[in-house]
Amino acid sequence: MLVARSPRQTNGFRRTMINDQRKYSNSCKRLKQDYLMHYVLRGPENSVYHGGIYHGKLRFPAEFPFKPPSIYMMTPSGRFETNQRLCLSFSDFHPDSWNPTWSLSTILAGLLSFMLEEDVAVGSIQTTEHERKTLAKKSLQFNLKNPLFQELFPEISDEIKAELEQIKSNDAIRLQNNLKSIKNRLGGIQTKGSKYDRYRPILISCIYHLFAIVISKIDLNNVV
Protein backbone atom coordinates (compact mmCIF):
# COMPACT_ATOMS: atom_id res chain seq x y z
CA MET A 1 0.00 0.00 0.00
CA LEU A 2 1.35 3.41 -0.95
CA VAL A 3 1.50 5.94 1.83
CA ALA A 4 1.04 9.59 0.96
CA ARG A 5 3.72 11.84 2.31
CA SER A 6 2.69 14.75 4.48
CA PRO A 7 3.90 18.29 3.58
CA ARG A 8 6.24 18.13 6.57
CA GLN A 9 7.78 14.87 5.33
CA THR A 10 8.11 16.24 1.80
CA ASN A 11 9.84 19.38 3.01
CA GLY A 12 12.17 17.30 5.17
CA PHE A 13 13.07 15.11 2.23
CA ARG A 14 13.81 18.14 0.07
CA ARG A 15 15.96 19.76 2.75
CA THR A 16 17.95 16.55 3.20
CA MET A 17 18.49 16.14 -0.54
CA ILE A 18 19.35 19.80 -1.09
CA ASN A 19 21.91 19.79 1.73
CA ASP A 20 23.49 16.58 0.44
CA GLN A 21 23.39 17.81 -3.13
CA ARG A 22 25.35 20.92 -2.17
CA LYS A 23 28.17 18.70 -0.90
CA TYR A 24 28.24 16.90 -4.26
CA SER A 25 27.06 19.74 -6.50
CA ASN A 26 29.28 18.55 -9.34
CA SER A 27 28.38 14.88 -9.13
CA CYS A 28 24.72 14.68 -8.03
CA LYS A 29 21.68 16.22 -9.66
CA ARG A 30 18.07 15.98 -8.58
CA LEU A 31 15.53 15.94 -11.39
CA LYS A 32 12.13 17.61 -11.25
CA GLN A 33 10.79 14.39 -9.79
CA ASP A 34 11.42 14.76 -6.07
CA TYR A 35 12.35 11.12 -5.63
CA LEU A 36 14.92 10.65 -8.40
CA MET A 37 18.56 11.70 -8.20
CA HIS A 38 21.43 11.03 -10.61
CA TYR A 39 25.00 10.62 -9.38
CA VAL A 40 28.52 10.23 -10.76
CA LEU A 41 31.26 8.12 -9.17
CA ARG A 42 34.92 8.32 -10.15
CA GLY A 43 37.08 5.23 -10.18
CA PRO A 44 39.63 5.41 -7.32
CA GLU A 45 43.35 5.46 -8.01
CA ASN A 46 45.18 2.15 -7.62
CA SER A 47 42.04 0.27 -8.67
CA VAL A 48 40.89 -1.36 -11.89
CA TYR A 49 38.35 1.46 -12.20
CA HIS A 50 40.94 4.25 -12.18
CA GLY A 51 40.09 6.89 -14.76
CA GLY A 52 36.53 5.65 -15.12
CA ILE A 53 33.47 7.85 -14.63
CA TYR A 54 30.30 5.99 -13.64
CA HIS A 55 26.80 7.42 -13.97
CA GLY A 56 23.86 6.04 -12.02
CA LYS A 57 20.63 6.99 -10.31
CA LEU A 58 18.93 6.69 -6.94
CA ARG A 59 15.17 6.33 -6.69
CA PHE A 60 13.89 7.29 -3.26
CA PRO A 61 10.63 5.96 -1.80
CA ALA A 62 7.97 8.31 -0.47
CA GLU A 63 8.91 7.17 3.04
CA PHE A 64 12.57 8.21 2.79
CA PRO A 65 14.60 8.58 5.01
CA PHE A 66 12.74 5.83 6.87
CA LYS A 67 13.08 3.46 3.92
CA PRO A 68 16.12 3.00 1.63
CA PRO A 69 16.35 3.97 -2.04
CA SER A 70 16.73 1.69 -5.03
CA ILE A 71 20.17 2.00 -6.62
CA TYR A 72 21.09 1.73 -10.30
CA MET A 73 24.24 2.16 -12.38
CA MET A 74 23.96 3.02 -16.06
CA THR A 75 27.62 3.10 -17.12
CA PRO A 76 29.13 -0.36 -17.82
CA SER A 77 31.75 -1.12 -15.18
CA GLY A 78 32.29 -4.86 -15.26
CA ARG A 79 31.07 -4.96 -11.65
CA PHE A 80 27.35 -4.22 -11.95
CA GLU A 81 24.64 -4.94 -14.47
CA THR A 82 23.46 -1.74 -16.11
CA ASN A 83 20.01 -0.29 -15.39
CA GLN A 84 19.26 -3.03 -12.85
CA ARG A 85 18.36 -2.62 -9.19
CA LEU A 86 21.39 -3.46 -7.07
CA CYS A 87 21.08 -5.66 -4.02
CA LEU A 88 23.06 -3.88 -1.31
CA SER A 89 22.68 -3.70 2.46
CA PHE A 90 21.69 -0.04 2.10
CA SER A 91 19.32 -0.44 -0.86
CA ASP A 92 15.62 -1.27 -1.05
CA PHE A 93 16.51 -4.98 -1.19
CA HIS A 94 17.27 -4.85 2.54
CA PRO A 95 14.93 -2.40 4.28
CA ASP A 96 15.51 -4.13 7.62
CA SER A 97 19.20 -3.15 7.64
CA TRP A 98 18.55 0.45 6.61
CA ASN A 99 19.45 3.25 9.04
CA PRO A 100 17.37 6.46 8.68
CA THR A 101 20.40 8.54 9.66
CA TRP A 102 22.29 7.48 6.53
CA SER A 103 22.67 10.27 4.02
CA LEU A 104 23.47 10.55 0.33
CA SER A 105 27.17 10.57 1.14
CA THR A 106 26.75 7.32 3.11
CA ILE A 107 24.97 5.67 0.20
CA LEU A 108 27.57 6.69 -2.39
CA ALA A 109 30.48 5.74 -0.13
CA GLY A 110 28.89 2.34 0.47
CA LEU A 111 28.29 1.82 -3.24
CA LEU A 112 31.90 2.63 -4.09
CA SER A 113 33.14 0.34 -1.31
CA PHE A 114 31.02 -2.56 -2.59
CA MET A 115 32.24 -1.86 -6.12
CA LEU A 116 35.83 -2.40 -5.00
CA GLU A 117 34.99 -5.73 -3.35
CA GLU A 118 34.12 -9.05 -4.98
CA ASP A 119 30.99 -9.97 -3.03
CA VAL A 120 28.24 -11.54 -5.12
CA ALA A 121 24.75 -10.04 -5.04
CA VAL A 122 21.75 -9.46 -7.28
CA GLY A 123 22.83 -7.00 -9.95
CA SER A 124 26.56 -7.69 -9.57
CA ILE A 125 28.65 -9.47 -12.22
CA GLN A 126 32.07 -11.10 -12.36
CA THR A 127 34.59 -10.00 -15.01
CA THR A 128 38.36 -9.90 -15.35
CA GLU A 129 40.58 -7.02 -14.28
CA HIS A 130 41.44 -6.41 -17.92
CA GLU A 131 37.76 -6.07 -18.84
CA ARG A 132 37.14 -3.61 -16.01
CA LYS A 133 40.16 -1.51 -16.96
CA THR A 134 38.98 -1.47 -20.57
CA LEU A 135 35.48 -0.43 -19.54
CA ALA A 136 36.93 2.32 -17.33
CA LYS A 137 38.57 3.83 -20.42
CA LYS A 138 35.44 3.40 -22.51
CA SER A 139 33.23 4.94 -19.81
CA LEU A 140 34.22 8.46 -20.89
CA GLN A 141 32.92 8.10 -24.42
CA PHE A 142 29.93 6.05 -23.24
CA ASN A 143 28.73 8.84 -20.95
CA LEU A 144 29.16 11.50 -23.62
CA LYS A 145 26.80 9.57 -25.89
CA ASN A 146 24.06 9.98 -23.28
CA PRO A 147 22.28 13.35 -23.79
CA LEU A 148 20.88 13.23 -20.25
CA PHE A 149 24.37 12.88 -18.80
CA GLN A 150 25.57 15.95 -20.70
CA GLU A 151 22.49 17.89 -19.61
CA LEU A 152 22.84 16.98 -15.93
CA PHE A 153 26.62 17.17 -15.68
CA PRO A 154 27.90 19.82 -18.14
CA GLU A 155 31.12 20.47 -16.20
CA ILE A 156 32.04 16.80 -16.07
CA SER A 157 31.11 16.46 -19.75
CA ASP A 158 33.49 19.28 -20.66
CA GLU A 159 36.19 17.62 -18.57
CA ILE A 160 35.67 14.34 -20.41
CA LYS A 161 35.82 16.03 -23.82
CA ALA A 162 39.10 17.72 -22.91
CA GLU A 163 40.56 14.43 -21.66
CA LEU A 164 39.55 12.56 -24.81
CA GLU A 165 41.12 15.25 -26.99
CA GLN A 166 44.33 14.96 -24.99
CA ILE A 167 44.32 11.17 -25.35
CA LYS A 168 43.79 11.46 -29.10
CA SER A 169 46.59 14.01 -29.40
CA ASN A 170 49.01 11.88 -27.35
CA ASP A 171 48.25 8.80 -29.44
CA ALA A 172 48.77 10.68 -32.68
CA ILE A 173 52.13 12.01 -31.47
CA ARG A 174 53.20 8.54 -30.34
CA LEU A 175 52.29 7.01 -33.70
CA GLN A 176 54.11 9.74 -35.59
CA ASN A 177 57.21 9.20 -33.46
CA ASN A 178 57.05 5.47 -34.16
CA LEU A 179 56.78 6.18 -37.87
CA LYS A 180 59.83 8.44 -37.77
CA SER A 181 61.76 5.77 -35.88
CA ILE A 182 60.89 3.13 -38.48
CA LYS A 183 61.83 5.44 -41.36
CA ASN A 184 65.16 6.22 -39.68
CA ARG A 185 65.89 2.52 -39.24
CA LEU A 186 65.04 1.80 -42.85
CA GLY A 187 67.20 4.70 -43.94
CA GLY A 188 70.13 3.29 -42.00
CA ILE A 189 70.04 -0.09 -43.68
CA GLN A 190 72.95 -0.55 -46.06
CA THR A 191 71.22 -1.52 -49.26
CA LYS A 192 73.34 0.40 -51.76
CA GLY A 193 73.68 -1.55 -54.96
CA SER A 194 71.08 -4.07 -53.83
CA LYS A 195 68.43 -5.13 -56.32
CA TYR A 196 65.85 -4.46 -53.55
CA ASP A 197 66.91 -0.86 -53.09
CA ARG A 198 64.26 0.45 -55.46
CA TYR A 199 61.50 -1.07 -53.30
CA ARG A 200 62.51 0.85 -50.17
CA PRO A 201 60.43 4.02 -50.98
CA ILE A 202 57.39 1.84 -51.63
CA LEU A 203 57.85 0.11 -48.27
CA ILE A 204 58.18 3.45 -46.47
CA SER A 205 55.05 4.74 -48.22
CA CYS A 206 53.06 1.66 -47.18
CA ILE A 207 54.12 2.05 -43.56
CA TYR A 208 53.22 5.73 -43.63
CA HIS A 209 49.72 5.03 -44.96
CA LEU A 210 49.24 2.27 -42.40
CA PHE A 211 49.92 4.69 -39.56
CA ALA A 212 47.69 7.30 -41.21
CA ILE A 213 44.82 4.80 -41.17
CA VAL A 214 45.40 4.04 -37.48
CA ILE A 215 45.41 7.76 -36.63
CA SER A 216 42.16 8.27 -38.54
CA LYS A 217 40.59 5.41 -36.57
CA ILE A 218 41.55 7.11 -33.32
CA ASP A 219 40.02 10.33 -34.57
CA LEU A 220 36.74 8.56 -35.36
CA ASN A 221 36.46 6.59 -32.14
CA ASN A 222 37.83 9.17 -29.72
CA VAL A 223 38.82 6.39 -27.36
CA VAL A 224 41.98 4.59 -26.45
C-alpha atoms as a PDB file:
ATOM      1  CA  MET A   1       0.000   0.000   0.000  1.00  0.00           C
ATOM      2  CA  LEU A   2       1.347   3.412  -0.950  1.00  0.00           C
ATOM      3  CA  VAL A   3       1.496   5.937   1.832  1.00  0.00           C
ATOM      4  CA  ALA A   4       1.038   9.589   0.955  1.00  0.00           C
ATOM      5  CA  ARG A   5       3.721  11.839   2.313  1.00  0.00           C
ATOM      6  CA  SER A   6       2.687  14.749   4.478  1.00  0.00           C
ATOM      7  CA  PRO A   7       3.897  18.287   3.580  1.00  0.00           C
ATOM      8  CA  ARG A   8       6.244  18.127   6.569  1.00  0.00           C
ATOM      9  CA  GLN A   9       7.784  14.866   5.327  1.00  0.00           C
ATOM     10  CA  THR A  10       8.112  16.236   1.802  1.00  0.00           C
ATOM     11  CA  ASN A  11       9.840  19.382   3.011  1.00  0.00           C
ATOM     12  CA  GLY A  12      12.169  17.303   5.172  1.00  0.00           C
ATOM     13  CA  PHE A  13      13.072  15.106   2.228  1.00  0.00           C
ATOM     14  CA  ARG A  14      13.810  18.140   0.072  1.00  0.00           C
ATOM     15  CA  ARG A  15      15.962  19.762   2.745  1.00  0.00           C
ATOM     16  CA  THR A  16      17.951  16.551   3.199  1.00  0.00           C
ATOM     17  CA  MET A  17      18.491  16.144  -0.544  1.00  0.00           C
ATOM     18  CA  ILE A  18      19.354  19.802  -1.094  1.00  0.00           C
ATOM     19  CA  ASN A  19      21.912  19.786   1.728  1.00  0.00           C
ATOM     20  CA  ASP A  20      23.494  16.580   0.439  1.00  0.00           C
ATOM     21  CA  GLN A  21      23.389  17.810  -3.135  1.00  0.00           C
ATOM     22  CA  ARG A  22      25.350  20.916  -2.166  1.00  0.00           C
ATOM     23  CA  LYS A  23      28.168  18.703  -0.900  1.00  0.00           C
ATOM     24  CA  TYR A  24      28.236  16.903  -4.257  1.00  0.00           C
ATOM     25  CA  SER A  25      27.057  19.739  -6.501  1.00  0.00           C
ATOM     26  CA  ASN A  26      29.284  18.554  -9.337  1.00  0.00           C
ATOM     27  CA  SER A  27      28.378  14.880  -9.130  1.00  0.00           C
ATOM     28  CA  CYS A  28      24.717  14.682  -8.027  1.00  0.00           C
ATOM     29  CA  LYS A  29      21.684  16.218  -9.660  1.00  0.00           C
ATOM     30  CA  ARG A  30      18.067  15.982  -8.580  1.00  0.00           C
ATOM     31  CA  LEU A  31      15.526  15.935 -11.386  1.00  0.00           C
ATOM     32  CA  LYS A  32      12.128  17.606 -11.251  1.00  0.00           C
ATOM     33  CA  GLN A  33      10.788  14.393  -9.791  1.00  0.00           C
ATOM     34  CA  ASP A  34      11.420  14.762  -6.069  1.00  0.00           C
ATOM     35  CA  TYR A  35      12.349  11.121  -5.626  1.00  0.00           C
ATOM     36  CA  LEU A  36      14.920  10.649  -8.403  1.00  0.00           C
ATOM     37  CA  MET A  37      18.558  11.702  -8.201  1.00  0.00           C
ATOM     38  CA  HIS A  38      21.432  11.032 -10.614  1.00  0.00           C
ATOM     39  CA  TYR A  39      25.004  10.616  -9.378  1.00  0.00           C
ATOM     40  CA  VAL A  40      28.524  10.235 -10.758  1.00  0.00           C
ATOM     41  CA  LEU A  41      31.264   8.123  -9.173  1.00  0.00           C
ATOM     42  CA  ARG A  42      34.922   8.317 -10.154  1.00  0.00           C
ATOM     43  CA  GLY A  43      37.082   5.226 -10.176  1.00  0.00           C
ATOM     44  CA  PRO A  44      39.630   5.414  -7.323  1.00  0.00           C
ATOM     45  CA  GLU A  45      43.347   5.457  -8.009  1.00  0.00           C
ATOM     46  CA  ASN A  46      45.180   2.150  -7.622  1.00  0.00           C
ATOM     47  CA  SER A  47      42.040   0.267  -8.668  1.00  0.00           C
ATOM     48  CA  VAL A  48      40.886  -1.363 -11.894  1.00  0.00           C
ATOM     49  CA  TYR A  49      38.348   1.457 -12.200  1.00  0.00           C
ATOM     50  CA  HIS A  50      40.936   4.249 -12.181  1.00  0.00           C
ATOM     51  CA  GLY A  51      40.094   6.893 -14.760  1.00  0.00           C
ATOM     52  CA  GLY A  52      36.533   5.651 -15.123  1.00  0.00           C
ATOM     53  CA  ILE A  53      33.473   7.845 -14.626  1.00  0.00           C
ATOM     54  CA  TYR A  54      30.303   5.989 -13.642  1.00  0.00           C
ATOM     55  CA  HIS A  55      26.804   7.424 -13.965  1.00  0.00           C
ATOM     56  CA  GLY A  56      23.861   6.044 -12.016  1.00  0.00           C
ATOM     57  CA  LYS A  57      20.632   6.987 -10.307  1.00  0.00           C
ATOM     58  CA  LEU A  58      18.932   6.692  -6.938  1.00  0.00           C
ATOM     59  CA  ARG A  59      15.169   6.333  -6.688  1.00  0.00           C
ATOM     60  CA  PHE A  60      13.889   7.288  -3.255  1.00  0.00           C
ATOM     61  CA  PRO A  61      10.630   5.965  -1.801  1.00  0.00           C
ATOM     62  CA  ALA A  62       7.969   8.308  -0.473  1.00  0.00           C
ATOM     63  CA  GLU A  63       8.915   7.169   3.042  1.00  0.00           C
ATOM     64  CA  PHE A  64      12.570   8.206   2.791  1.00  0.00           C
ATOM     65  CA  PRO A  65      14.599   8.576   5.015  1.00  0.00           C
ATOM     66  CA  PHE A  66      12.740   5.831   6.866  1.00  0.00           C
ATOM     67  CA  LYS A  67      13.078   3.461   3.922  1.00  0.00           C
ATOM     68  CA  PRO A  68      16.116   3.003   1.626  1.00  0.00           C
ATOM     69  CA  PRO A  69      16.354   3.973  -2.045  1.00  0.00           C
ATOM     70  CA  SER A  70      16.734   1.688  -5.030  1.00  0.00           C
ATOM     71  CA  ILE A  71      20.170   2.002  -6.623  1.00  0.00           C
ATOM     72  CA  TYR A  72      21.088   1.726 -10.301  1.00  0.00           C
ATOM     73  CA  MET A  73      24.243   2.163 -12.378  1.00  0.00           C
ATOM     74  CA  MET A  74      23.960   3.019 -16.064  1.00  0.00           C
ATOM     75  CA  THR A  75      27.619   3.095 -17.117  1.00  0.00           C
ATOM     76  CA  PRO A  76      29.129  -0.363 -17.820  1.00  0.00           C
ATOM     77  CA  SER A  77      31.748  -1.118 -15.180  1.00  0.00           C
ATOM     78  CA  GLY A  78      32.294  -4.856 -15.258  1.00  0.00           C
ATOM     79  CA  ARG A  79      31.071  -4.965 -11.649  1.00  0.00           C
ATOM     80  CA  PHE A  80      27.348  -4.217 -11.954  1.00  0.00           C
ATOM     81  CA  GLU A  81      24.636  -4.937 -14.466  1.00  0.00           C
ATOM     82  CA  THR A  82      23.460  -1.743 -16.113  1.00  0.00           C
ATOM     83  CA  ASN A  83      20.005  -0.294 -15.394  1.00  0.00           C
ATOM     84  CA  GLN A  84      19.256  -3.028 -12.852  1.00  0.00           C
ATOM     85  CA  ARG A  85      18.364  -2.620  -9.191  1.00  0.00           C
ATOM     86  CA  LEU A  86      21.386  -3.459  -7.072  1.00  0.00           C
ATOM     87  CA  CYS A  87      21.083  -5.659  -4.020  1.00  0.00           C
ATOM     88  CA  LEU A  88      23.061  -3.876  -1.306  1.00  0.00           C
ATOM     89  CA  SER A  89      22.677  -3.698   2.457  1.00  0.00           C
ATOM     90  CA  PHE A  90      21.693  -0.035   2.105  1.00  0.00           C
ATOM     91  CA  SER A  91      19.318  -0.441  -0.855  1.00  0.00           C
ATOM     92  CA  ASP A  92      15.621  -1.271  -1.054  1.00  0.00           C
ATOM     93  CA  PHE A  93      16.512  -4.976  -1.195  1.00  0.00           C
ATOM     94  CA  HIS A  94      17.271  -4.852   2.542  1.00  0.00           C
ATOM     95  CA  PRO A  95      14.928  -2.397   4.275  1.00  0.00           C
ATOM     96  CA  ASP A  96      15.508  -4.133   7.624  1.00  0.00           C
ATOM     97  CA  SER A  97      19.196  -3.152   7.638  1.00  0.00           C
ATOM     98  CA  TRP A  98      18.549   0.451   6.611  1.00  0.00           C
ATOM     99  CA  ASN A  99      19.448   3.249   9.035  1.00  0.00           C
ATOM    100  CA  PRO A 100      17.374   6.462   8.675  1.00  0.00           C
ATOM    101  CA  THR A 101      20.404   8.540   9.662  1.00  0.00           C
ATOM    102  CA  TRP A 102      22.286   7.485   6.531  1.00  0.00           C
ATOM    103  CA  SER A 103      22.673  10.273   4.016  1.00  0.00           C
ATOM    104  CA  LEU A 104      23.465  10.554   0.328  1.00  0.00           C
ATOM    105  CA  SER A 105      27.174  10.566   1.139  1.00  0.00           C
ATOM    106  CA  THR A 106      26.751   7.325   3.112  1.00  0.00           C
ATOM    107  CA  ILE A 107      24.969   5.671   0.196  1.00  0.00           C
ATOM    108  CA  LEU A 108      27.569   6.691  -2.389  1.00  0.00           C
ATOM    109  CA  ALA A 109      30.483   5.738  -0.134  1.00  0.00           C
ATOM    110  CA  GLY A 110      28.889   2.341   0.470  1.00  0.00           C
ATOM    111  CA  LEU A 111      28.287   1.821  -3.242  1.00  0.00           C
ATOM    112  CA  LEU A 112      31.900   2.627  -4.089  1.00  0.00           C
ATOM    113  CA  SER A 113      33.141   0.341  -1.314  1.00  0.00           C
ATOM    114  CA  PHE A 114      31.023  -2.559  -2.592  1.00  0.00           C
ATOM    115  CA  MET A 115      32.237  -1.861  -6.123  1.00  0.00           C
ATOM    116  CA  LEU A 116      35.831  -2.401  -4.998  1.00  0.00           C
ATOM    117  CA  GLU A 117      34.988  -5.727  -3.352  1.00  0.00           C
ATOM    118  CA  GLU A 118      34.121  -9.049  -4.978  1.00  0.00           C
ATOM    119  CA  ASP A 119      30.992  -9.972  -3.025  1.00  0.00           C
ATOM    120  CA  VAL A 120      28.237 -11.541  -5.115  1.00  0.00           C
ATOM    121  CA  ALA A 121      24.752 -10.039  -5.041  1.00  0.00           C
ATOM    122  CA  VAL A 122      21.753  -9.462  -7.278  1.00  0.00           C
ATOM    123  CA  GLY A 123      22.829  -6.998  -9.947  1.00  0.00           C
ATOM    124  CA  SER A 124      26.557  -7.694  -9.574  1.00  0.00           C
ATOM    125  CA  ILE A 125      28.646  -9.469 -12.219  1.00  0.00           C
ATOM    126  CA  GLN A 126      32.067 -11.099 -12.358  1.00  0.00           C
ATOM    127  CA  THR A 127      34.585 -10.001 -15.007  1.00  0.00           C
ATOM    128  CA  THR A 128      38.363  -9.904 -15.349  1.00  0.00           C
ATOM    129  CA  GLU A 129      40.576  -7.023 -14.280  1.00  0.00           C
ATOM    130  CA  HIS A 130      41.436  -6.413 -17.922  1.00  0.00           C
ATOM    131  CA  GLU A 131      37.762  -6.070 -18.836  1.00  0.00           C
ATOM    132  CA  ARG A 132      37.144  -3.613 -16.007  1.00  0.00           C
ATOM    133  CA  LYS A 133      40.159  -1.506 -16.964  1.00  0.00           C
ATOM    134  CA  THR A 134      38.984  -1.470 -20.574  1.00  0.00           C
ATOM    135  CA  LEU A 135      35.476  -0.428 -19.541  1.00  0.00           C
ATOM    136  CA  ALA A 136      36.929   2.320 -17.334  1.00  0.00           C
ATOM    137  CA  LYS A 137      38.569   3.832 -20.419  1.00  0.00           C
ATOM    138  CA  LYS A 138      35.440   3.399 -22.508  1.00  0.00           C
ATOM    139  CA  SER A 139      33.225   4.944 -19.815  1.00  0.00           C
ATOM    140  CA  LEU A 140      34.221   8.457 -20.889  1.00  0.00           C
ATOM    141  CA  GLN A 141      32.915   8.103 -24.422  1.00  0.00           C
ATOM    142  CA  PHE A 142      29.926   6.051 -23.236  1.00  0.00           C
ATOM    143  CA  ASN A 143      28.732   8.837 -20.947  1.00  0.00           C
ATOM    144  CA  LEU A 144      29.164  11.498 -23.618  1.00  0.00           C
ATOM    145  CA  LYS A 145      26.804   9.566 -25.894  1.00  0.00           C
ATOM    146  CA  ASN A 146      24.057   9.982 -23.281  1.00  0.00           C
ATOM    147  CA  PRO A 147      22.279  13.354 -23.786  1.00  0.00           C
ATOM    148  CA  LEU A 148      20.877  13.232 -20.248  1.00  0.00           C
ATOM    149  CA  PHE A 149      24.374  12.882 -18.802  1.00  0.00           C
ATOM    150  CA  GLN A 150      25.569  15.950 -20.697  1.00  0.00           C
ATOM    151  CA  GLU A 151      22.494  17.886 -19.614  1.00  0.00           C
ATOM    152  CA  LEU A 152      22.836  16.984 -15.931  1.00  0.00           C
ATOM    153  CA  PHE A 153      26.622  17.173 -15.683  1.00  0.00           C
ATOM    154  CA  PRO A 154      27.902  19.815 -18.135  1.00  0.00           C
ATOM    155  CA  GLU A 155      31.119  20.469 -16.201  1.00  0.00           C
ATOM    156  CA  ILE A 156      32.040  16.797 -16.074  1.00  0.00           C
ATOM    157  CA  SER A 157      31.109  16.461 -19.754  1.00  0.00           C
ATOM    158  CA  ASP A 158      33.493  19.282 -20.661  1.00  0.00           C
ATOM    159  CA  GLU A 159      36.190  17.625 -18.568  1.00  0.00           C
ATOM    160  CA  ILE A 160      35.673  14.339 -20.412  1.00  0.00           C
ATOM    161  CA  LYS A 161      35.821  16.029 -23.817  1.00  0.00           C
ATOM    162  CA  ALA A 162      39.102  17.716 -22.914  1.00  0.00           C
ATOM    163  CA  GLU A 163      40.563  14.434 -21.656  1.00  0.00           C
ATOM    164  CA  LEU A 164      39.547  12.564 -24.810  1.00  0.00           C
ATOM    165  CA  GLU A 165      41.116  15.251 -26.986  1.00  0.00           C
ATOM    166  CA  GLN A 166      44.333  14.959 -24.990  1.00  0.00           C
ATOM    167  CA  ILE A 167      44.318  11.175 -25.354  1.00  0.00           C
ATOM    168  CA  LYS A 168      43.790  11.460 -29.102  1.00  0.00           C
ATOM    169  CA  SER A 169      46.593  14.012 -29.400  1.00  0.00           C
ATOM    170  CA  ASN A 170      49.008  11.885 -27.352  1.00  0.00           C
ATOM    171  CA  ASP A 171      48.245   8.795 -29.437  1.00  0.00           C
ATOM    172  CA  ALA A 172      48.769  10.684 -32.683  1.00  0.00           C
ATOM    173  CA  ILE A 173      52.129  12.008 -31.469  1.00  0.00           C
ATOM    174  CA  ARG A 174      53.199   8.537 -30.340  1.00  0.00           C
ATOM    175  CA  LEU A 175      52.289   7.013 -33.702  1.00  0.00           C
ATOM    176  CA  GLN A 176      54.110   9.745 -35.590  1.00  0.00           C
ATOM    177  CA  ASN A 177      57.214   9.199 -33.463  1.00  0.00           C
ATOM    178  CA  ASN A 178      57.051   5.472 -34.158  1.00  0.00           C
ATOM    179  CA  LEU A 179      56.775   6.182 -37.865  1.00  0.00           C
ATOM    180  CA  LYS A 180      59.834   8.436 -37.767  1.00  0.00           C
ATOM    181  CA  SER A 181      61.755   5.773 -35.883  1.00  0.00           C
ATOM    182  CA  ILE A 182      60.894   3.131 -38.484  1.00  0.00           C
ATOM    183  CA  LYS A 183      61.827   5.439 -41.355  1.00  0.00           C
ATOM    184  CA  ASN A 184      65.159   6.216 -39.679  1.00  0.00           C
ATOM    185  CA  ARG A 185      65.893   2.525 -39.240  1.00  0.00           C
ATOM    186  CA  LEU A 186      65.044   1.799 -42.849  1.00  0.00           C
ATOM    187  CA  GLY A 187      67.202   4.702 -43.944  1.00  0.00           C
ATOM    188  CA  GLY A 188      70.130   3.287 -41.999  1.00  0.00           C
ATOM    189  CA  ILE A 189      70.039  -0.093 -43.679  1.00  0.00           C
ATOM    190  CA  GLN A 190      72.953  -0.549 -46.057  1.00  0.00           C
ATOM    191  CA  THR A 191      71.216  -1.517 -49.263  1.00  0.00           C
ATOM    192  CA  LYS A 192      73.338   0.399 -51.764  1.00  0.00           C
ATOM    193  CA  GLY A 193      73.684  -1.554 -54.959  1.00  0.00           C
ATOM    194  CA  SER A 194      71.079  -4.069 -53.833  1.00  0.00           C
ATOM    195  CA  LYS A 195      68.430  -5.128 -56.320  1.00  0.00           C
ATOM    196  CA  TYR A 196      65.853  -4.459 -53.547  1.00  0.00           C
ATOM    197  CA  ASP A 197      66.915  -0.857 -53.095  1.00  0.00           C
ATOM    198  CA  ARG A 198      64.262   0.450 -55.460  1.00  0.00           C
ATOM    199  CA  TYR A 199      61.503  -1.066 -53.302  1.00  0.00           C
ATOM    200  CA  ARG A 200      62.510   0.851 -50.173  1.00  0.00           C
ATOM    201  CA  PRO A 201      60.434   4.016 -50.984  1.00  0.00           C
ATOM    202  CA  ILE A 202      57.393   1.837 -51.625  1.00  0.00           C
ATOM    203  CA  LEU A 203      57.850   0.109 -48.266  1.00  0.00           C
ATOM    204  CA  ILE A 204      58.177   3.447 -46.465  1.00  0.00           C
ATOM    205  CA  SER A 205      55.054   4.739 -48.220  1.00  0.00           C
ATOM    206  CA  CYS A 206      53.062   1.664 -47.183  1.00  0.00           C
ATOM    207  CA  ILE A 207      54.115   2.046 -43.560  1.00  0.00           C
ATOM    208  CA  TYR A 208      53.220   5.732 -43.630  1.00  0.00           C
ATOM    209  CA  HIS A 209      49.725   5.026 -44.963  1.00  0.00           C
ATOM    210  CA  LEU A 210      49.236   2.268 -42.399  1.00  0.00           C
ATOM    211  CA  PHE A 211      49.920   4.688 -39.558  1.00  0.00           C
ATOM    212  CA  ALA A 212      47.694   7.300 -41.209  1.00  0.00           C
ATOM    213  CA  ILE A 213      44.825   4.802 -41.170  1.00  0.00           C
ATOM    214  CA  VAL A 214      45.399   4.043 -37.478  1.00  0.00           C
ATOM    215  CA  ILE A 215      45.413   7.756 -36.635  1.00  0.00           C
ATOM    216  CA  SER A 216      42.156   8.267 -38.539  1.00  0.00           C
ATOM    217  CA  LYS A 217      40.592   5.408 -36.570  1.00  0.00           C
ATOM    218  CA  ILE A 218      41.555   7.112 -33.318  1.00  0.00           C
ATOM    219  CA  ASP A 219      40.017  10.329 -34.573  1.00  0.00           C
ATOM    220  CA  LEU A 220      36.742   8.563 -35.363  1.00  0.00           C
ATOM    221  CA  ASN A 221      36.463   6.590 -32.141  1.00  0.00           C
ATOM    222  CA  ASN A 222      37.831   9.172 -29.722  1.00  0.00           C
ATOM    223  CA  VAL A 223      38.816   6.395 -27.362  1.00  0.00           C
ATOM    224  CA  VAL A 224      41.980   4.587 -26.449  1.00  0.00           C
END
